[in-house]
């Protein structure tokens, strides 16, 4: 029994030595591998998401500021006319030609009839959004201050739309390098 106990102790000592050696050897190999490679900088997955959330919040805030300017141009007692609210139709229509062209055209960097027509229609819609309050003010249907508020709102809203296309396009791979945005 004493012989078996000593054999067992010797075998367990050998096993513990081999385990310790393999752990030490493995850790040395890992240290050599780590030392031979450049240290990688780790990006926390939430940091990329935080940038996206900030962009969405900034776009929402800009949209709210634009709509507030438009409502101020209509609702202030000195102006008293809701005719400038019709520019909302142009805000809704302005991204449609580019979205339709992007749906039917995979490469938006070149020039062809589809891209040129969508740019022409978008330009016409944007110019009409600025022209409507100006023409209404010239005709006397609204006050000049209401036209100024409406045009400031249009500037803010269209800037928000362009920023949305730019940010949304980077996610799909056509934002930064495209000739449109």
C-alpha atoms as a PDB file:
ATOM      1  CA  UNK A   1       0.000   0.000   0.000  1.00  0.00           C
ATOM      2  CA  UNK A   2       2.875   2.330   0.784  1.00  0.00           C
ATOM      3  CA  UNK A   3       4.412   1.475  -2.568  1.00  0.00           C
ATOM      4  CA  UNK A   4       1.179   2.274  -4.356  1.00  0.00           C
ATOM      5  CA  UNK A   5       0.897   5.534  -2.467  1.00  0.00           C
ATOM      6  CA  UNK A   6       4.423   6.576  -3.465  1.00  0.00           C
ATOM      7  CA  UNK A   7       3.768   5.597  -7.109  1.00  0.00           C
ATOM      8  CA  UNK A   8       0.576   7.632  -7.021  1.00  0.00           C
ATOM      9  CA  UNK A   9       2.419  10.623  -5.552  1.00  0.00           C
ATOM     10  CA  UNK A  10       5.163  10.375  -8.171  1.00  0.00           C
ATOM     11  CA  UNK A  11       2.642  10.110 -10.999  1.00  0.00           C
ATOM     12  CA  UNK A  12       0.607  13.042  -9.679  1.00  0.00           C
ATOM     13  CA  UNK A  13       3.827  15.069  -9.324  1.00  0.00           C
ATOM     14  CA  UNK A  14       4.727  14.267 -12.955  1.00  0.00           C
ATOM     15  CA  UNK A  15       1.242  15.262 -14.091  1.00  0.00           C
ATOM     16  CA  UNK A  16       1.341  18.533 -12.192  1.00  0.00           C
ATOM     17  CA  UNK A  17       4.791  19.276 -13.614  1.00  0.00           C
ATOM     18  CA  UNK A  18       3.635  18.590 -17.159  1.00  0.00           C
ATOM     19  CA  UNK A  19       0.544  20.766 -16.682  1.00  0.00           C
ATOM     20  CA  UNK A  20       2.617  23.580 -15.195  1.00  0.00           C
ATOM     21  CA  UNK A  21       5.170  23.285 -18.016  1.00  0.00           C
ATOM     22  CA  UNK A  22       2.480  23.318 -20.714  1.00  0.00           C
ATOM     23  CA  UNK A  23       0.792  26.332 -19.131  1.00  0.00           C
ATOM     24  CA  UNK A  24       4.136  28.103 -18.827  1.00  0.00           C
ATOM     25  CA  UNK A  25       5.085  27.152 -22.388  1.00  0.00           C
ATOM     26  CA  UNK A  26       1.707  28.258 -23.713  1.00  0.00           C
ATOM     27  CA  UNK A  27       1.913  31.572 -21.878  1.00  0.00           C
ATOM     28  CA  UNK A  28       5.444  32.153 -23.233  1.00  0.00           C
ATOM     29  CA  UNK A  29       4.246  31.420 -26.768  1.00  0.00           C
ATOM     30  CA  UNK A  30       1.360  33.832 -26.287  1.00  0.00           C
ATOM     31  CA  UNK A  31       3.731  36.488 -24.960  1.00  0.00           C
ATOM     32  CA  UNK A  32       5.976  36.047 -27.993  1.00  0.00           C
ATOM     33  CA  UNK A  33       2.980  36.295 -30.305  1.00  0.00           C
ATOM     34  CA  UNK A  34       1.704  39.390 -28.532  1.00  0.00           C
ATOM     35  CA  UNK A  35       5.139  41.020 -28.589  1.00  0.00           C
ATOM     36  CA  UNK A  36       5.543  40.341 -32.322  1.00  0.00           C
ATOM     37  CA  UNK A  37       2.245  41.979 -33.256  1.00  0.00           C
ATOM     38  CA  UNK A  38       1.322  45.632 -33.091  1.00  0.00           C
ATOM     39  CA  UNK A  39      -1.068  46.423 -30.305  1.00  0.00           C
ATOM     40  CA  UNK A  40      -4.576  46.713 -31.609  1.00  0.00           C
ATOM     41  CA  UNK A  41      -6.766  49.544 -30.524  1.00  0.00           C
ATOM     42  CA  UNK A  42     -10.148  48.308 -29.567  1.00  0.00           C
ATOM     43  CA  UNK A  43     -13.194  50.348 -30.424  1.00  0.00           C
ATOM     44  CA  UNK A  44     -16.109  49.906 -28.132  1.00  0.00           C
ATOM     45  CA  UNK A  45     -19.174  48.850 -30.153  1.00  0.00           C
ATOM     46  CA  UNK A  46     -21.328  51.469 -28.438  1.00  0.00           C
ATOM     47  CA  UNK A  47     -19.036  54.310 -29.549  1.00  0.00           C
ATOM     48  CA  UNK A  48     -20.003  53.837 -33.199  1.00  0.00           C
ATOM     49  CA  UNK A  49     -23.635  53.644 -32.212  1.00  0.00           C
ATOM     50  CA  UNK A  50     -23.293  56.794 -30.118  1.00  0.00           C
ATOM     51  CA  UNK A  51     -22.101  58.690 -33.197  1.00  0.00           C
ATOM     52  CA  UNK A  52     -25.159  57.478 -35.096  1.00  0.00           C
ATOM     53  CA  UNK A  53     -27.459  58.458 -32.257  1.00  0.00           C
ATOM     54  CA  UNK A  54     -25.873  61.907 -32.094  1.00  0.00           C
ATOM     55  CA  UNK A  55     -26.399  62.349 -35.829  1.00  0.00           C
ATOM     56  CA  UNK A  56     -30.058  61.342 -35.593  1.00  0.00           C
ATOM     57  CA  UNK A  57     -30.602  63.666 -32.637  1.00  0.00           C
ATOM     58  CA  UNK A  58     -28.916  66.557 -34.489  1.00  0.00           C
ATOM     59  CA  UNK A  59     -31.024  65.950 -37.602  1.00  0.00           C
ATOM     60  CA  UNK A  60     -34.207  65.756 -35.538  1.00  0.00           C
ATOM     61  CA  UNK A  61     -33.300  68.973 -33.736  1.00  0.00           C
ATOM     62  CA  UNK A  62     -32.602  70.758 -37.037  1.00  0.00           C
ATOM     63  CA  UNK A  63     -35.933  69.537 -38.424  1.00  0.00           C
ATOM     64  CA  UNK A  64     -37.772  70.799 -35.350  1.00  0.00           C
ATOM     65  CA  UNK A  65     -36.039  74.190 -35.602  1.00  0.00           C
ATOM     66  CA  UNK A  66     -37.040  74.458 -39.266  1.00  0.00           C
ATOM     67  CA  UNK A  67     -40.663  73.582 -38.608  1.00  0.00           C
ATOM     68  CA  UNK A  68     -40.742  75.980 -35.645  1.00  0.00           C
ATOM     69  CA  UNK A  69     -39.538  78.796 -37.898  1.00  0.00           C
ATOM     70  CA  UNK A  70     -42.244  77.928 -40.412  1.00  0.00           C
ATOM     71  CA  UNK A  71     -44.974  77.903 -37.748  1.00  0.00           C
ATOM     72  CA  UNK A  72     -43.688  81.207 -36.356  1.00  0.00           C
ATOM     73  CA  UNK A  73     -43.958  82.714 -39.818  1.00  0.00           C
ATOM     74  CA  UNK A  74     -47.584  81.654 -39.932  1.00  0.00           C
ATOM     75  CA  UNK A  75     -48.856  81.934 -36.360  1.00  0.00           C
ATOM     76  CA  UNK A  76     -47.434  85.209 -35.071  1.00  0.00           C
ATOM     77  CA  UNK A  77     -50.264  87.726 -34.672  1.00  0.00           C
ATOM     78  CA  UNK A  78     -48.576  90.330 -36.853  1.00  0.00           C
ATOM     79  CA  UNK A  79     -48.490  87.902 -39.804  1.00  0.00           C
ATOM     80  CA  UNK A  80     -51.750  85.996 -39.321  1.00  0.00           C
ATOM     81  CA  UNK A  81     -51.694  83.988 -42.548  1.00  0.00           C
ATOM     82  CA  UNK A  82     -51.172  80.274 -42.917  1.00  0.00           C
ATOM     83  CA  UNK A  83     -50.304  80.341 -46.632  1.00  0.00           C
ATOM     84  CA  UNK A  84     -46.561  79.687 -46.048  1.00  0.00           C
ATOM     85  CA  UNK A  85     -47.452  76.245 -44.693  1.00  0.00           C
ATOM     86  CA  UNK A  86     -47.832  75.083 -48.284  1.00  0.00           C
ATOM     87  CA  UNK A  87     -44.035  74.873 -48.456  1.00  0.00           C
ATOM     88  CA  UNK A  88     -44.323  71.609 -46.502  1.00  0.00           C
ATOM     89  CA  UNK A  89     -45.462  70.039 -49.782  1.00  0.00           C
ATOM     90  CA  UNK A  90     -42.084  70.954 -51.280  1.00  0.00           C
ATOM     91  CA  UNK A  91     -40.246  69.528 -48.258  1.00  0.00           C
ATOM     92  CA  UNK A  92     -41.984  66.207 -48.807  1.00  0.00           C
ATOM     93  CA  UNK A  93     -41.489  66.195 -52.584  1.00  0.00           C
ATOM     94  CA  UNK A  94     -37.835  67.283 -52.691  1.00  0.00           C
ATOM     95  CA  UNK A  95     -36.122  63.967 -51.840  1.00  0.00           C
ATOM     96  CA  UNK A  96     -38.425  61.859 -54.012  1.00  0.00           C
ATOM     97  CA  UNK A  97     -36.693  62.302 -57.421  1.00  0.00           C
ATOM     98  CA  UNK A  98     -33.282  61.379 -55.997  1.00  0.00           C
ATOM     99  CA  UNK A  99     -34.698  58.421 -54.105  1.00  0.00           C
ATOM    100  CA  UNK A 100     -36.456  57.141 -57.231  1.00  0.00           C
ATOM    101  CA  UNK A 101     -33.311  57.619 -59.330  1.00  0.00           C
ATOM    102  CA  UNK A 102     -31.221  55.819 -56.718  1.00  0.00           C
ATOM    103  CA  UNK A 103     -33.698  52.945 -56.757  1.00  0.00           C
ATOM    104  CA  UNK A 104     -33.436  52.489 -60.520  1.00  0.00           C
ATOM    105  CA  UNK A 105     -29.793  53.491 -60.939  1.00  0.00           C
ATOM    106  CA  UNK A 106     -27.098  51.577 -59.042  1.00  0.00           C
ATOM    107  CA  UNK A 107     -24.202  53.946 -59.878  1.00  0.00           C
ATOM    108  CA  UNK A 108     -25.135  57.553 -59.125  1.00  0.00           C
ATOM    109  CA  UNK A 109     -21.669  58.952 -59.906  1.00  0.00           C
ATOM    110  CA  UNK A 110     -21.968  59.062 -63.690  1.00  0.00           C
ATOM    111  CA  UNK A 111     -24.153  61.236 -65.840  1.00  0.00           C
ATOM    112  CA  UNK A 112     -27.114  59.748 -67.626  1.00  0.00           C
ATOM    113  CA  UNK A 113     -30.709  60.722 -68.294  1.00  0.00           C
ATOM    114  CA  UNK A 114     -32.094  59.278 -65.061  1.00  0.00           C
ATOM    115  CA  UNK A 115     -29.624  61.115 -62.823  1.00  0.00           C
ATOM    116  CA  UNK A 116     -29.889  64.368 -64.766  1.00  0.00           C
ATOM    117  CA  UNK A 117     -33.709  64.324 -64.698  1.00  0.00           C
ATOM    118  CA  UNK A 118     -33.778  63.645 -60.955  1.00  0.00           C
ATOM    119  CA  UNK A 119     -31.350  66.514 -60.295  1.00  0.00           C
ATOM    120  CA  UNK A 120     -33.416  68.838 -62.509  1.00  0.00           C
ATOM    121  CA  UNK A 121     -36.679  67.944 -60.749  1.00  0.00           C
ATOM    122  CA  UNK A 122     -35.102  68.263 -57.297  1.00  0.00           C
ATOM    123  CA  UNK A 123     -33.694  71.683 -58.194  1.00  0.00           C
ATOM    124  CA  UNK A 124     -37.094  72.819 -59.446  1.00  0.00           C
ATOM    125  CA  UNK A 125     -38.789  71.683 -56.244  1.00  0.00           C
ATOM    126  CA  UNK A 126     -36.206  73.382 -54.007  1.00  0.00           C
ATOM    127  CA  UNK A 127     -36.385  76.658 -55.968  1.00  0.00           C
ATOM    128  CA  UNK A 128     -40.191  76.522 -55.786  1.00  0.00           C
ATOM    129  CA  UNK A 129     -40.046  76.154 -51.999  1.00  0.00           C
ATOM    130  CA  UNK A 130     -38.083  79.414 -51.768  1.00  0.00           C
ATOM    131  CA  UNK A 131     -40.116  81.145 -54.480  1.00  0.00           C
ATOM    132  CA  UNK A 132     -43.611  80.477 -53.086  1.00  0.00           C
ATOM    133  CA  UNK A 133     -43.271  82.649 -49.948  1.00  0.00           C
ATOM    134  CA  UNK A 134     -41.444  85.323 -51.926  1.00  0.00           C
ATOM    135  CA  UNK A 135     -44.197  85.504 -54.543  1.00  0.00           C
ATOM    136  CA  UNK A 136     -46.892  85.467 -51.855  1.00  0.00           C
ATOM    137  CA  UNK A 137     -45.149  88.358 -50.062  1.00  0.00           C
ATOM    138  CA  UNK A 138     -44.827  90.290 -53.351  1.00  0.00           C
ATOM    139  CA  UNK A 139     -48.521  89.755 -54.078  1.00  0.00           C
ATOM    140  CA  UNK A 140     -49.441  90.974 -50.589  1.00  0.00           C
ATOM    141  CA  UNK A 141     -50.987  87.681 -49.444  1.00  0.00           C
ATOM    142  CA  UNK A 142     -48.482  87.372 -46.586  1.00  0.00           C
ATOM    143  CA  UNK A 143     -46.229  89.828 -44.761  1.00  0.00           C
ATOM    144  CA  UNK A 144     -42.554  90.156 -45.650  1.00  0.00           C
ATOM    145  CA  UNK A 145     -41.542  88.875 -42.208  1.00  0.00           C
ATOM    146  CA  UNK A 146     -43.551  85.704 -42.783  1.00  0.00           C
ATOM    147  CA  UNK A 147     -41.684  85.184 -46.070  1.00  0.00           C
ATOM    148  CA  UNK A 148     -38.364  85.621 -44.278  1.00  0.00           C
ATOM    149  CA  UNK A 149     -39.351  83.095 -41.580  1.00  0.00           C
ATOM    150  CA  UNK A 150     -40.562  80.676 -44.248  1.00  0.00           C
ATOM    151  CA  UNK A 151     -37.351  80.970 -46.277  1.00  0.00           C
ATOM    152  CA  UNK A 152     -35.224  80.467 -43.141  1.00  0.00           C
ATOM    153  CA  UNK A 153     -37.305  77.386 -42.397  1.00  0.00           C
ATOM    154  CA  UNK A 154     -36.753  76.140 -45.951  1.00  0.00           C
ATOM    155  CA  UNK A 155     -33.018  76.669 -45.634  1.00  0.00           C
ATOM    156  CA  UNK A 156     -32.945  74.701 -42.380  1.00  0.00           C
ATOM    157  CA  UNK A 157     -35.174  71.873 -43.607  1.00  0.00           C
ATOM    158  CA  UNK A 158     -33.307  71.433 -46.901  1.00  0.00           C
ATOM    159  CA  UNK A 159     -29.999  71.436 -45.031  1.00  0.00           C
ATOM    160  CA  UNK A 160     -31.425  68.679 -42.840  1.00  0.00           C
ATOM    161  CA  UNK A 161     -32.514  66.708 -45.907  1.00  0.00           C
ATOM    162  CA  UNK A 162     -29.060  67.000 -47.502  1.00  0.00           C
ATOM    163  CA  UNK A 163     -27.412  65.945 -44.232  1.00  0.00           C
ATOM    164  CA  UNK A 164     -29.747  62.952 -43.979  1.00  0.00           C
ATOM    165  CA  UNK A 165     -28.866  61.867 -47.522  1.00  0.00           C
ATOM    166  CA  UNK A 166     -25.172  62.260 -46.759  1.00  0.00           C
ATOM    167  CA  UNK A 167     -25.292  60.323 -43.472  1.00  0.00           C
ATOM    168  CA  UNK A 168     -27.687  57.677 -44.765  1.00  0.00           C
ATOM    169  CA  UNK A 169     -25.569  57.273 -47.884  1.00  0.00           C
ATOM    170  CA  UNK A 170     -22.410  56.568 -45.854  1.00  0.00           C
ATOM    171  CA  UNK A 171     -24.170  53.616 -44.249  1.00  0.00           C
ATOM    172  CA  UNK A 172     -24.980  52.159 -47.657  1.00  0.00           C
ATOM    173  CA  UNK A 173     -21.637  53.015 -49.174  1.00  0.00           C
ATOM    174  CA  UNK A 174     -22.475  55.840 -51.597  1.00  0.00           C
ATOM    175  CA  UNK A 175     -22.435  58.926 -49.370  1.00  0.00           C
ATOM    176  CA  UNK A 176     -18.917  60.289 -49.201  1.00  0.00           C
ATOM    177  CA  UNK A 177     -17.667  59.341 -52.659  1.00  0.00           C
ATOM    178  CA  UNK A 178     -20.756  60.079 -54.714  1.00  0.00           C
ATOM    179  CA  UNK A 179     -20.918  63.124 -56.923  1.00  0.00           C
ATOM    180  CA  UNK A 180     -24.481  63.889 -55.781  1.00  0.00           C
ATOM    181  CA  UNK A 181     -23.831  64.022 -52.028  1.00  0.00           C
END
